[in-house]
PDB file of N, CA and C in Angstrom:
ATOM      1  N   UNK A   1       0.890  -1.276   0.149  1.00  0.00           N
ATOM      2  CA  UNK A   1      -0.047   0.159   0.120  1.00  0.00           C
ATOM      3  C   UNK A   1       1.048   1.283   0.237  1.00  0.00           C
ATOM      4  N   UNK A   2       1.591   1.035   1.018  1.00  0.00           N
ATOM      5  CA  UNK A   2       2.912   2.707   0.982  1.00  0.00           C
ATOM      6  C   UNK A   2       3.686   2.453  -0.775  1.00  0.00           C
ATOM      7  N   UNK A   3       3.863   1.267  -0.981  1.00  0.00           N
ATOM      8  CA  UNK A   3       4.512   1.691  -2.534  1.00  0.00           C
ATOM      9  C   UNK A   3       3.887   2.581  -3.514  1.00  0.00           C
ATOM     10  N   UNK A   4       2.292   1.993  -3.489  1.00  0.00           N
ATOM     11  CA  UNK A   4       1.569   2.937  -4.359  1.00  0.00           C
ATOM     12  C   UNK A   4       1.293   3.955  -3.889  1.00  0.00           C
ATOM     13  N   UNK A   5       1.103   4.462  -2.693  1.00  0.00           N
ATOM     14  CA  UNK A   5       1.306   5.943  -2.319  1.00  0.00           C
ATOM     15  C   UNK A   5       2.433   6.644  -2.522  1.00  0.00           C
ATOM     16  N   UNK A   6       3.470   6.121  -2.338  1.00  0.00           N
ATOM     17  CA  UNK A   6       4.981   6.684  -2.553  1.00  0.00           C
ATOM     18  C   UNK A   6       4.708   7.074  -4.237  1.00  0.00           C
ATOM     19  N   UNK A   7       4.755   6.144  -4.959  1.00  0.00           N
ATOM     20  CA  UNK A   7       4.125   6.176  -6.280  1.00  0.00           C
ATOM     21  C   UNK A   7       3.740   7.468  -6.813  1.00  0.00           C
ATOM     22  N   UNK A   8       2.129   7.513  -6.375  1.00  0.00           N
ATOM     23  CA  UNK A   8       1.379   8.655  -6.209  1.00  0.00           C
ATOM     24  C   UNK A   8       2.037   9.871  -5.926  1.00  0.00           C
ATOM     25  N   UNK A   9       2.635  10.051  -4.833  1.00  0.00           N
ATOM     26  CA  UNK A   9       3.287  11.280  -4.277  1.00  0.00           C
ATOM     27  C   UNK A   9       4.343  12.064  -5.460  1.00  0.00           C
ATOM     28  N   UNK A  10       4.938  10.827  -6.115  1.00  0.00           N
ATOM     29  CA  UNK A  10       6.053  11.454  -7.237  1.00  0.00           C
ATOM     30  C   UNK A  10       5.299  11.899  -8.187  1.00  0.00           C
ATOM     31  N   UNK A  11       4.211  11.385  -8.648  1.00  0.00           N
ATOM     32  CA  UNK A  11       3.219  11.805  -9.240  1.00  0.00           C
ATOM     33  C   UNK A  11       2.347  13.380  -9.531  1.00  0.00           C
ATOM     34  N   UNK A  12       1.997  12.942  -8.072  1.00  0.00           N
ATOM     35  CA  UNK A  12       1.266  14.244  -7.528  1.00  0.00           C
ATOM     36  C   UNK A  12       2.250  15.582  -7.536  1.00  0.00           C
ATOM     37  N   UNK A  13       3.605  15.210  -7.387  1.00  0.00           N
ATOM     38  CA  UNK A  13       4.817  16.211  -6.970  1.00  0.00           C
ATOM     39  C   UNK A  13       4.724  16.858  -8.508  1.00  0.00           C
ATOM     40  N   UNK A  14       5.079  15.718  -9.636  1.00  0.00           N
ATOM     41  CA  UNK A  14       5.422  16.435 -10.897  1.00  0.00           C
ATOM     42  C   UNK A  14       4.075  17.096 -11.600  1.00  0.00           C
ATOM     43  N   UNK A  15       2.769  16.514 -11.195  1.00  0.00           N
ATOM     44  CA  UNK A  15       1.637  17.677 -11.917  1.00  0.00           C
ATOM     45  C   UNK A  15       2.068  18.870 -11.121  1.00  0.00           C
ATOM     46  N   UNK A  16       1.837  18.942  -9.706  1.00  0.00           N
ATOM     47  CA  UNK A  16       1.731  20.402  -9.185  1.00  0.00           C
ATOM     48  C   UNK A  16       2.748  21.289  -9.353  1.00  0.00           C
ATOM     49  N   UNK A  17       4.196  20.792  -9.651  1.00  0.00           N
ATOM     50  CA  UNK A  17       5.277  21.222 -10.536  1.00  0.00           C
ATOM     51  C   UNK A  17       4.760  21.882 -11.654  1.00  0.00           C
ATOM     52  N   UNK A  18       4.419  21.244 -12.428  1.00  0.00           N
ATOM     53  CA  UNK A  18       4.276  21.614 -13.617  1.00  0.00           C
ATOM     54  C   UNK A  18       2.469  22.580 -13.689  1.00  0.00           C
ATOM     55  N   UNK A  19       1.803  22.583 -13.252  1.00  0.00           N
ATOM     56  CA  UNK A  19       0.446  23.038 -12.692  1.00  0.00           C
ATOM     57  C   UNK A  19       1.027  24.776 -12.176  1.00  0.00           C
ATOM     58  N   UNK A  20       1.653  24.902 -11.391  1.00  0.00           N
ATOM     59  CA  UNK A  20       2.362  25.690 -10.913  1.00  0.00           C
ATOM     60  C   UNK A  20       3.050  26.417 -11.658  1.00  0.00           C
ATOM     61  N   UNK A  21       3.811  26.201 -12.744  1.00  0.00           N
ATOM     62  CA  UNK A  21       4.602  26.670 -13.562  1.00  0.00           C
ATOM     63  C   UNK A  21       3.912  26.901 -14.840  1.00  0.00           C
ATOM     64  N   UNK A  22       2.890  26.446 -14.939  1.00  0.00           N
ATOM     65  CA  UNK A  22       1.698  26.726 -16.494  1.00  0.00           C
ATOM     66  C   UNK A  22       0.913  28.305 -16.026  1.00  0.00           C
ATOM     67  N   UNK A  23       0.672  28.236 -14.649  1.00  0.00           N
ATOM     68  CA  UNK A  23       0.075  29.262 -14.522  1.00  0.00           C
ATOM     69  C   UNK A  23       0.937  30.796 -14.874  1.00  0.00           C
ATOM     70  N   UNK A  24      -0.331  31.596 -15.387  1.00  0.00           N
ATOM     71  CA  UNK A  24       0.535  32.904 -16.155  1.00  0.00           C
ATOM     72  C   UNK A  24       0.672  34.050 -15.080  1.00  0.00           C
ATOM     73  N   UNK A  25       1.872  34.681 -15.396  1.00  0.00           N
ATOM     74  CA  UNK A  25       2.695  35.068 -14.104  1.00  0.00           C
ATOM     75  C   UNK A  25       3.137  36.251 -14.859  1.00  0.00           C
ATOM     76  N   UNK A  26       3.766  37.149 -14.134  1.00  0.00           N
ATOM     77  CA  UNK A  26       4.777  38.392 -14.996  1.00  0.00           C
ATOM     78  C   UNK A  26       5.698  37.958 -15.965  1.00  0.00           C
ATOM     79  N   UNK A  27       6.192  36.479 -15.517  1.00  0.00           N
ATOM     80  CA  UNK A  27       7.492  36.088 -16.168  1.00  0.00           C
ATOM     81  C   UNK A  27       6.838  35.181 -16.981  1.00  0.00           C
ATOM     82  N   UNK A  28       5.255  34.881 -17.165  1.00  0.00           N
ATOM     83  CA  UNK A  28       4.677  34.032 -18.248  1.00  0.00           C
ATOM     84  C   UNK A  28       5.067  32.607 -17.784  1.00  0.00           C
ATOM     85  N   UNK A  29       6.185  32.222 -17.078  1.00  0.00           N
ATOM     86  CA  UNK A  29       6.365  30.773 -16.495  1.00  0.00           C
ATOM     87  C   UNK A  29       6.699  29.964 -17.976  1.00  0.00           C
ATOM     88  N   UNK A  30       6.119  28.545 -17.909  1.00  0.00           N
ATOM     89  CA  UNK A  30       6.575  27.663 -18.999  1.00  0.00           C
ATOM     90  C   UNK A  30       5.507  27.987 -19.949  1.00  0.00           C
ATOM     91  N   UNK A  31       4.384  28.979 -19.639  1.00  0.00           N
ATOM     92  CA  UNK A  31       3.532  29.060 -20.689  1.00  0.00           C
ATOM     93  C   UNK A  31       4.231  29.170 -22.062  1.00  0.00           C
ATOM     94  N   UNK A  32       5.407  30.283 -22.028  1.00  0.00           N
ATOM     95  CA  UNK A  32       6.108  30.711 -23.025  1.00  0.00           C
ATOM     96  C   UNK A  32       6.484  29.764 -23.801  1.00  0.00           C
ATOM     97  N   UNK A  33       6.747  28.480 -23.442  1.00  0.00           N
ATOM     98  CA  UNK A  33       7.294  27.477 -24.461  1.00  0.00           C
ATOM     99  C   UNK A  33       6.416  26.455 -25.243  1.00  0.00           C
ATOM    100  N   UNK A  34       5.178  26.406 -24.719  1.00  0.00           N
ATOM    101  CA  UNK A  34       4.011  26.043 -25.037  1.00  0.00           C
ATOM    102  C   UNK A  34       3.143  26.875 -25.973  1.00  0.00           C
ATOM    103  N   UNK A  35       3.714  28.156 -26.388  1.00  0.00           N
ATOM    104  CA  UNK A  35       2.946  28.760 -27.095  1.00  0.00           C
ATOM    105  C   UNK A  35       2.023  30.107 -26.694  1.00  0.00           C
ATOM    106  N   UNK A  36       0.950  30.324 -26.682  1.00  0.00           N
ATOM    107  CA  UNK A  36       0.196  31.152 -26.537  1.00  0.00           C
ATOM    108  C   UNK A  36      -0.753  30.576 -25.657  1.00  0.00           C
ATOM    109  N   UNK A  37      -0.705  30.423 -24.564  1.00  0.00           N
ATOM    110  CA  UNK A  37      -1.300  29.473 -23.508  1.00  0.00           C
ATOM    111  C   UNK A  37      -3.152  30.224 -23.141  1.00  0.00           C
ATOM    112  N   UNK A  38      -3.115  32.068 -23.624  1.00  0.00           N
ATOM    113  CA  UNK A  38      -4.679  32.066 -23.371  1.00  0.00           C
ATOM    114  C   UNK A  38      -5.376  31.867 -24.219  1.00  0.00           C
ATOM    115  N   UNK A  39      -4.728  31.062 -25.528  1.00  0.00           N
ATOM    116  CA  UNK A  39      -6.063  30.673 -26.689  1.00  0.00           C
ATOM    117  C   UNK A  39      -6.000  29.134 -26.334  1.00  0.00           C
ATOM    118  N   UNK A  40      -5.727  28.293 -25.430  1.00  0.00           N
ATOM    119  CA  UNK A  40      -6.281  26.949 -24.925  1.00  0.00           C
ATOM    120  C   UNK A  40      -7.556  27.080 -24.339  1.00  0.00           C
ATOM    121  N   UNK A  41      -7.480  28.254 -23.091  1.00  0.00           N
ATOM    122  CA  UNK A  41      -8.771  27.967 -22.194  1.00  0.00           C
ATOM    123  C   UNK A  41      -9.962  28.910 -22.352  1.00  0.00           C
ATOM    124  N   UNK A  42      -9.601  29.576 -23.799  1.00  0.00           N
ATOM    125  CA  UNK A  42     -10.459  30.586 -24.205  1.00  0.00           C
ATOM    126  C   UNK A  42      -9.963  32.455 -23.684  1.00  0.00           C
ATOM    127  N   UNK A  43     -10.853  33.044 -24.003  1.00  0.00           N
ATOM    128  CA  UNK A  43     -10.468  34.409 -23.659  1.00  0.00           C
ATOM    129  C   UNK A  43      -9.630  35.014 -22.713  1.00  0.00           C
ATOM    130  N   UNK A  44     -10.768  34.541 -21.573  1.00  0.00           N
ATOM    131  CA  UNK A  44      -9.827  34.787 -19.898  1.00  0.00           C
ATOM    132  C   UNK A  44      -8.565  33.970 -19.612  1.00  0.00           C
ATOM    133  N   UNK A  45      -7.851  33.439 -20.622  1.00  0.00           N
ATOM    134  CA  UNK A  45      -6.886  32.158 -20.095  1.00  0.00           C
ATOM    135  C   UNK A  45      -7.107  31.236 -19.198  1.00  0.00           C
ATOM    136  N   UNK A  46      -5.987  30.718 -18.869  1.00  0.00           N
ATOM    137  CA  UNK A  46      -6.001  29.588 -18.052  1.00  0.00           C
ATOM    138  C   UNK A  46      -6.225  30.135 -16.555  1.00  0.00           C
ATOM    139  N   UNK A  47      -6.597  31.356 -15.851  1.00  0.00           N
ATOM    140  CA  UNK A  47      -6.258  31.549 -14.843  1.00  0.00           C
ATOM    141  C   UNK A  47      -7.027  31.057 -13.576  1.00  0.00           C
ATOM    142  N   UNK A  48      -8.471  31.030 -14.333  1.00  0.00           N
ATOM    143  CA  UNK A  48      -9.614  30.268 -13.286  1.00  0.00           C
ATOM    144  C   UNK A  48      -9.339  29.030 -13.338  1.00  0.00           C
ATOM    145  N   UNK A  49      -8.944  28.172 -14.465  1.00  0.00           N
ATOM    146  CA  UNK A  49      -8.911  26.483 -14.299  1.00  0.00           C
ATOM    147  C   UNK A  49      -7.721  26.167 -13.704  1.00  0.00           C
ATOM    148  N   UNK A  50      -6.732  26.929 -13.858  1.00  0.00           N
ATOM    149  CA  UNK A  50      -5.421  26.710 -13.703  1.00  0.00           C
ATOM    150  C   UNK A  50      -5.647  26.534 -11.957  1.00  0.00           C
ATOM    151  N   UNK A  51      -6.149  27.777 -11.606  1.00  0.00           N
ATOM    152  CA  UNK A  51      -5.850  27.996  -9.720  1.00  0.00           C
ATOM    153  C   UNK A  51      -6.787  27.007  -9.526  1.00  0.00           C
ATOM    154  N   UNK A  52      -7.996  26.671  -9.777  1.00  0.00           N
ATOM    155  CA  UNK A  52      -8.918  25.250  -9.096  1.00  0.00           C
ATOM    156  C   UNK A  52      -8.168  23.858  -9.353  1.00  0.00           C
ATOM    157  N   UNK A  53      -7.683  23.790 -10.420  1.00  0.00           N
ATOM    158  CA  UNK A  53      -6.301  22.661 -10.514  1.00  0.00           C
ATOM    159  C   UNK A  53      -5.535  22.451  -9.531  1.00  0.00           C
ATOM    160  N   UNK A  54      -5.025  23.548  -9.535  1.00  0.00           N
ATOM    161  CA  UNK A  54      -3.796  23.623  -8.397  1.00  0.00           C
ATOM    162  C   UNK A  54      -4.232  23.279  -7.326  1.00  0.00           C
ATOM    163  N   UNK A  55      -5.221  24.180  -7.116  1.00  0.00           N
ATOM    164  CA  UNK A  55      -5.781  24.241  -5.630  1.00  0.00           C
ATOM    165  C   UNK A  55      -6.290  22.432  -5.163  1.00  0.00           C
ATOM    166  N   UNK A  56      -7.011  22.120  -6.059  1.00  0.00           N
ATOM    167  CA  UNK A  56      -7.149  20.394  -5.885  1.00  0.00           C
ATOM    168  C   UNK A  56      -6.125  19.498  -5.916  1.00  0.00           C
ATOM    169  N   UNK A  57      -4.923  19.872  -6.802  1.00  0.00           N
ATOM    170  CA  UNK A  57      -4.010  18.950  -6.632  1.00  0.00           C
ATOM    171  C   UNK A  57      -3.053  19.148  -5.397  1.00  0.00           C
ATOM    172  N   UNK A  58      -3.289  20.366  -5.149  1.00  0.00           N
ATOM    173  CA  UNK A  58      -2.350  20.420  -3.779  1.00  0.00           C
ATOM    174  C   UNK A  58      -2.891  19.821  -2.531  1.00  0.00           C
ATOM    175  N   UNK A  59      -4.367  19.838  -2.343  1.00  0.00           N
ATOM    176  CA  UNK A  59      -5.357  19.198  -1.364  1.00  0.00           C
ATOM    177  C   UNK A  59      -5.004  17.691  -1.309  1.00  0.00           C
ATOM    178  N   UNK A  60      -5.010  17.222  -2.526  1.00  0.00           N
ATOM    179  CA  UNK A  60      -4.592  15.680  -2.726  1.00  0.00           C
ATOM    180  C   UNK A  60      -3.207  15.355  -2.418  1.00  0.00           C
ATOM    181  N   UNK A  61      -1.907  16.110  -2.312  1.00  0.00           N
ATOM    182  CA  UNK A  61      -0.896  16.310  -2.072  1.00  0.00           C
ATOM    183  C   UNK A  61      -0.941  16.183  -1.016  1.00  0.00           C
ATOM    184  N   UNK A  62      -1.401  16.927  -0.191  1.00  0.00           N
ATOM    185  CA  UNK A  62      -1.220  17.151   1.486  1.00  0.00           C
ATOM    186  C   UNK A  62      -2.182  15.876   2.075  1.00  0.00           C
ATOM    187  N   UNK A  63      -3.391  15.203   1.608  1.00  0.00           N
ATOM    188  CA  UNK A  63      -3.945  14.310   1.906  1.00  0.00           C
ATOM    189  C   UNK A  63      -3.189  13.108   1.922  1.00  0.00           C
ATOM    190  N   UNK A  64      -2.436  12.908   0.702  1.00  0.00           N
ATOM    191  CA  UNK A  64      -1.788  11.756   0.327  1.00  0.00           C
ATOM    192  C   UNK A  64      -0.297  11.818   1.502  1.00  0.00           C
ATOM    193  N   UNK A  65       0.226  12.856   1.622  1.00  0.00           N
ATOM    194  CA  UNK A  65       1.441  12.971   2.483  1.00  0.00           C
ATOM    195  C   UNK A  65       0.936  12.352   3.981  1.00  0.00           C
ATOM    196  N   UNK A  66      -0.099  13.255   4.414  1.00  0.00           N
ATOM    197  CA  UNK A  66      -0.435  12.884   5.788  1.00  0.00           C
ATOM    198  C   UNK A  66      -0.729  11.127   5.564  1.00  0.00           C
ATOM    199  N   UNK A  67      -1.726  10.533   4.742  1.00  0.00           N
ATOM    200  CA  UNK A  67      -1.387   8.638   4.569  1.00  0.00           C
ATOM    201  C   UNK A  67      -0.554   8.451   4.781  1.00  0.00           C
ATOM    202  N   UNK A  68       0.478   8.559   4.172  1.00  0.00           N
ATOM    203  CA  UNK A  68       1.729   8.099   3.607  1.00  0.00           C
ATOM    204  C   UNK A  68       2.615   7.897   5.164  1.00  0.00           C
ATOM    205  N   UNK A  69       2.167   9.731   5.688  1.00  0.00           N
ATOM    206  CA  UNK A  69       3.063   9.622   7.171  1.00  0.00           C
ATOM    207  C   UNK A  69       2.467   8.335   7.924  1.00  0.00           C
ATOM    208  N   UNK A  70       0.938   8.160   7.757  1.00  0.00           N
ATOM    209  CA  UNK A  70       0.296   7.544   8.941  1.00  0.00           C
ATOM    210  C   UNK A  70       0.758   5.974   8.543  1.00  0.00           C
ATOM    211  N   UNK A  71       0.592   5.851   7.235  1.00  0.00           N
ATOM    212  CA  UNK A  71       1.017   4.282   7.355  1.00  0.00           C
ATOM    213  C   UNK A  71       2.398   4.072   7.434  1.00  0.00           C
ATOM    214  N   UNK A  72       3.420   4.866   7.589  1.00  0.00           N
ATOM    215  CA  UNK A  72       4.632   4.358   7.906  1.00  0.00           C
ATOM    216  C   UNK A  72       4.577   4.262   9.333  1.00  0.00           C
ATOM    217  N   UNK A  73       3.926   5.195  10.024  1.00  0.00           N
ATOM    218  CA  UNK A  73       4.134   5.187  11.258  1.00  0.00           C
ATOM    219  C   UNK A  73       3.112   3.616  11.948  1.00  0.00           C
ATOM    220  N   UNK A  74       2.505   3.159  11.327  1.00  0.00           N
ATOM    221  CA  UNK A  74       1.839   2.258  11.652  1.00  0.00           C
ATOM    222  C   UNK A  74       2.744   0.893  11.319  1.00  0.00           C
ATOM    223  N   UNK A  75       3.536   0.915  10.057  1.00  0.00           N
ATOM    224  CA  UNK A  75       4.429  -0.314   9.754  1.00  0.00           C
ATOM    225  C   UNK A  75       5.474  -0.249  10.911  1.00  0.00           C
ATOM    226  N   UNK A  76       6.132   0.528  11.191  1.00  0.00           N
ATOM    227  CA  UNK A  76       7.188   1.143  12.371  1.00  0.00           C
ATOM    228  C   UNK A  76       6.736   0.479  13.421  1.00  0.00           C
ATOM    229  N   UNK A  77       5.916   1.232  14.349  1.00  0.00           N
ATOM    230  CA  UNK A  77       5.029   0.883  15.630  1.00  0.00           C
ATOM    231  C   UNK A  77       6.075   1.464  16.820  1.00  0.00           C
ATOM    232  N   UNK A  78       7.178   2.215  16.403  1.00  0.00           N
ATOM    233  CA  UNK A  78       8.340   2.830  17.120  1.00  0.00           C
ATOM    234  C   UNK A  78       8.392   4.231  16.642  1.00  0.00           C
ATOM    235  N   UNK A  79       8.862   4.938  17.609  1.00  0.00           N
ATOM    236  CA  UNK A  79       9.060   6.353  17.476  1.00  0.00           C
ATOM    237  C   UNK A  79      10.332   6.662  17.261  1.00  0.00           C
ATOM    238  N   UNK A  80      10.639   7.126  16.332  1.00  0.00           N
ATOM    239  CA  UNK A  80      12.179   7.472  16.025  1.00  0.00           C
ATOM    240  C   UNK A  80      13.190   7.830  17.197  1.00  0.00           C
ATOM    241  N   UNK A  81      11.864   8.662  18.147  1.00  0.00           N
ATOM    242  CA  UNK A  81      12.933   9.512  19.265  1.00  0.00           C
ATOM    243  C   UNK A  81      13.493   8.341  20.422  1.00  0.00           C
ATOM    244  N   UNK A  82      12.896   7.041  19.987  1.00  0.00           N
ATOM    245  CA  UNK A  82      13.043   6.129  20.946  1.00  0.00           C
ATOM    246  C   UNK A  82      14.431   5.443  20.772  1.00  0.00           C
ATOM    247  N   UNK A  83      14.969   5.533  19.245  1.00  0.00           N
ATOM    248  CA  UNK A  83      16.337   5.144  19.101  1.00  0.00           C
ATOM    249  C   UNK A  83      17.430   6.053  19.396  1.00  0.00           C
ATOM    250  N   UNK A  84      16.923   7.103  19.877  1.00  0.00           N
ATOM    251  CA  UNK A  84      17.989   8.335  20.499  1.00  0.00           C
ATOM    252  C   UNK A  84      18.978   7.554  21.545  1.00  0.00           C
ATOM    253  N   UNK A  85      20.140   7.617  21.380  1.00  0.00           N
ATOM    254  CA  UNK A  85      20.715   7.049  22.900  1.00  0.00           C
ATOM    255  C   UNK A  85      20.955   8.646  23.497  1.00  0.00           C
ATOM    256  N   UNK A  86      20.994   8.630  24.657  1.00  0.00           N
ATOM    257  CA  UNK A  86      21.364   9.661  25.214  1.00  0.00           C
ATOM    258  C   UNK A  86      22.897   9.723  26.164  1.00  0.00           C
ATOM    259  N   UNK A  87      23.956  10.293  26.187  1.00  0.00           N
ATOM    260  CA  UNK A  87      24.950  10.108  26.936  1.00  0.00           C
ATOM    261  C   UNK A  87      24.882  10.786  28.195  1.00  0.00           C
ATOM    262  N   UNK A  88      25.557  10.102  28.972  1.00  0.00           N
ATOM    263  CA  UNK A  88      25.427  10.583  30.582  1.00  0.00           C
ATOM    264  C   UNK A  88      26.355  12.557  30.541  1.00  0.00           C
ATOM    265  N   UNK A  89      26.221  13.095  31.053  1.00  0.00           N
ATOM    266  CA  UNK A  89      26.746  14.361  31.269  1.00  0.00           C
ATOM    267  C   UNK A  89      28.240  14.039  31.761  1.00  0.00           C
ATOM    268  N   UNK A  90      29.029  15.084  31.047  1.00  0.00           N
ATOM    269  CA  UNK A  90      30.064  14.656  31.198  1.00  0.00           C
ATOM    270  C   UNK A  90      30.812  15.935  32.626  1.00  0.00           C
ATOM    271  N   UNK A  91      29.652  16.363  32.884  1.00  0.00           N
ATOM    272  CA  UNK A  91      29.992  17.085  33.951  1.00  0.00           C
ATOM    273  C   UNK A  91      30.176  16.498  35.218  1.00  0.00           C
ATOM    274  N   UNK A  92      31.373  16.650  36.497  1.00  0.00           N
ATOM    275  CA  UNK A  92      31.571  16.034  37.539  1.00  0.00           C
ATOM    276  C   UNK A  92      30.120  16.269  38.747  1.00  0.00           C
ATOM    277  N   UNK A  93      30.196  15.215  39.312  1.00  0.00           N
ATOM    278  CA  UNK A  93      28.770  15.317  40.143  1.00  0.00           C
ATOM    279  C   UNK A  93      29.492  15.743  41.386  1.00  0.00           C
ATOM    280  N   UNK A  94      30.778  15.763  41.636  1.00  0.00           N
ATOM    281  CA  UNK A  94      31.546  16.533  43.230  1.00  0.00           C
ATOM    282  C   UNK A  94      31.760  17.685  42.279  1.00  0.00           C
ATOM    283  N   UNK A  95      31.736  18.596  43.337  1.00  0.00           N
ATOM    284  CA  UNK A  95      32.086  20.118  43.240  1.00  0.00           C
ATOM    285  C   UNK A  95      33.448  20.232  43.501  1.00  0.00           C
ATOM    286  N   UNK A  96      34.550  20.808  42.402  1.00  0.00           N
ATOM    287  CA  UNK A  96      35.882  20.977  42.247  1.00  0.00           C
ATOM    288  C   UNK A  96      36.030  21.474  43.923  1.00  0.00           C
ATOM    289  N   UNK A  97      37.293  21.184  44.257  1.00  0.00           N
ATOM    290  CA  UNK A  97      37.670  22.158  45.945  1.00  0.00           C
ATOM    291  C   UNK A  97      37.749  23.678  45.729  1.00  0.00           C
ATOM    292  N   UNK A  98      37.152  24.728  46.639  1.00  0.00           N
ATOM    293  CA  UNK A  98      37.577  25.777  46.627  1.00  0.00           C
ATOM    294  C   UNK A  98      38.801  26.384  46.730  1.00  0.00           C
ATOM    295  N   UNK A  99      39.811  26.699  46.171  1.00  0.00           N
ATOM    296  CA  UNK A  99      40.888  27.256  46.457  1.00  0.00           C
ATOM    297  C   UNK A  99      40.823  28.731  46.672  1.00  0.00           C
ATOM    298  N   UNK A 100      41.840  28.826  47.911  1.00  0.00           N
ATOM    299  CA  UNK A 100      41.672  30.168  48.399  1.00  0.00           C
ATOM    300  C   UNK A 100      42.665  31.066  47.596  1.00  0.00           C
ATOM    301  N   UNK A 101      42.713  32.248  47.415  1.00  0.00           N
ATOM    302  CA  UNK A 101      43.280  33.407  46.947  1.00  0.00           C
ATOM    303  C   UNK A 101      44.526  33.467  47.797  1.00  0.00           C
ATOM    304  N   UNK A 102      45.664  33.581  47.094  1.00  0.00           N
ATOM    305  CA  UNK A 102      47.146  34.000  48.139  1.00  0.00           C
ATOM    306  C   UNK A 102      47.041  34.936  48.894  1.00  0.00           C
ATOM    307  N   UNK A 103      47.534  35.421  49.529  1.00  0.00           N
ATOM    308  CA  UNK A 103      47.405  36.659  50.486  1.00  0.00           C
ATOM    309  C   UNK A 103      47.921  37.726  49.790  1.00  0.00           C
ATOM    310  N   UNK A 104      47.627  38.986  50.093  1.00  0.00           N
ATOM    311  CA  UNK A 104      48.152  40.014  49.671  1.00  0.00           C
ATOM    312  C   UNK A 104      49.348  40.345  50.265  1.00  0.00           C
ATOM    313  N   UNK A 105      50.512  40.801  49.324  1.00  0.00           N
ATOM    314  CA  UNK A 105      51.447  41.174  50.006  1.00  0.00           C
ATOM    315  C   UNK A 105      51.792  42.471  50.953  1.00  0.00           C
ATOM    316  N   UNK A 106      52.126  42.234  51.917  1.00  0.00           N
ATOM    317  CA  UNK A 106      52.216  43.423  52.768  1.00  0.00           C
ATOM    318  C   UNK A 106      53.052  44.614  52.254  1.00  0.00           C
ATOM    319  N   UNK A 107      52.402  45.914  52.914  1.00  0.00           N
ATOM    320  CA  UNK A 107      53.042  47.167  52.508  1.00  0.00           C
ATOM    321  C   UNK A 107      54.360  47.487  52.993  1.00  0.00           C
ATOM    322  N   UNK A 108      55.267  47.981  52.427  1.00  0.00           N
ATOM    323  CA  UNK A 108      56.691  48.369  53.115  1.00  0.00           C
ATOM    324  C   UNK A 108      56.287  49.263  54.403  1.00  0.00           C
ATOM    325  N   UNK A 109      56.931  49.233  55.236  1.00  0.00           N
ATOM    326  CA  UNK A 109      56.582  50.289  56.153  1.00  0.00           C
ATOM    327  C   UNK A 109      58.170  50.933  55.658  1.00  0.00           C
ATOM    328  N   UNK A 110      57.658  52.330  56.307  1.00  0.00           N
ATOM    329  CA  UNK A 110      58.912  53.474  55.843  1.00  0.00           C
ATOM    330  C   UNK A 110      59.477  53.873  57.157  1.00  0.00           C
ATOM    331  N   UNK A 111      60.806  54.295  57.240  1.00  0.00           N
ATOM    332  CA  UNK A 111      61.400  54.383  58.665  1.00  0.00           C
ATOM    333  C   UNK A 111      61.735  55.834  58.635  1.00  0.00           C
TER     334      UNK A 111
END
């Protein structure tokens, strides 16, 4: 099941990428390579259709991602955080002995 969903994830990724690049923008995107993209969908251009199509494919992509995560978690049944090994602290538990500062030199006495 996860293999089918993983292949579907790659297909949805490619479709989503192409649909975003085909949308009309200030730099025209990939529409410049396929000729006049405005004549393909009518006088208004593909803006309405492509926006709706991209939104639907995006929702499918998110749903597929969540489903893949759920199935991978069910297959493993182990959290990745449980595999992390935590080392003991290297700070010594016994405090270091407190050393006293040397006494200040005595001031010379003048005669």
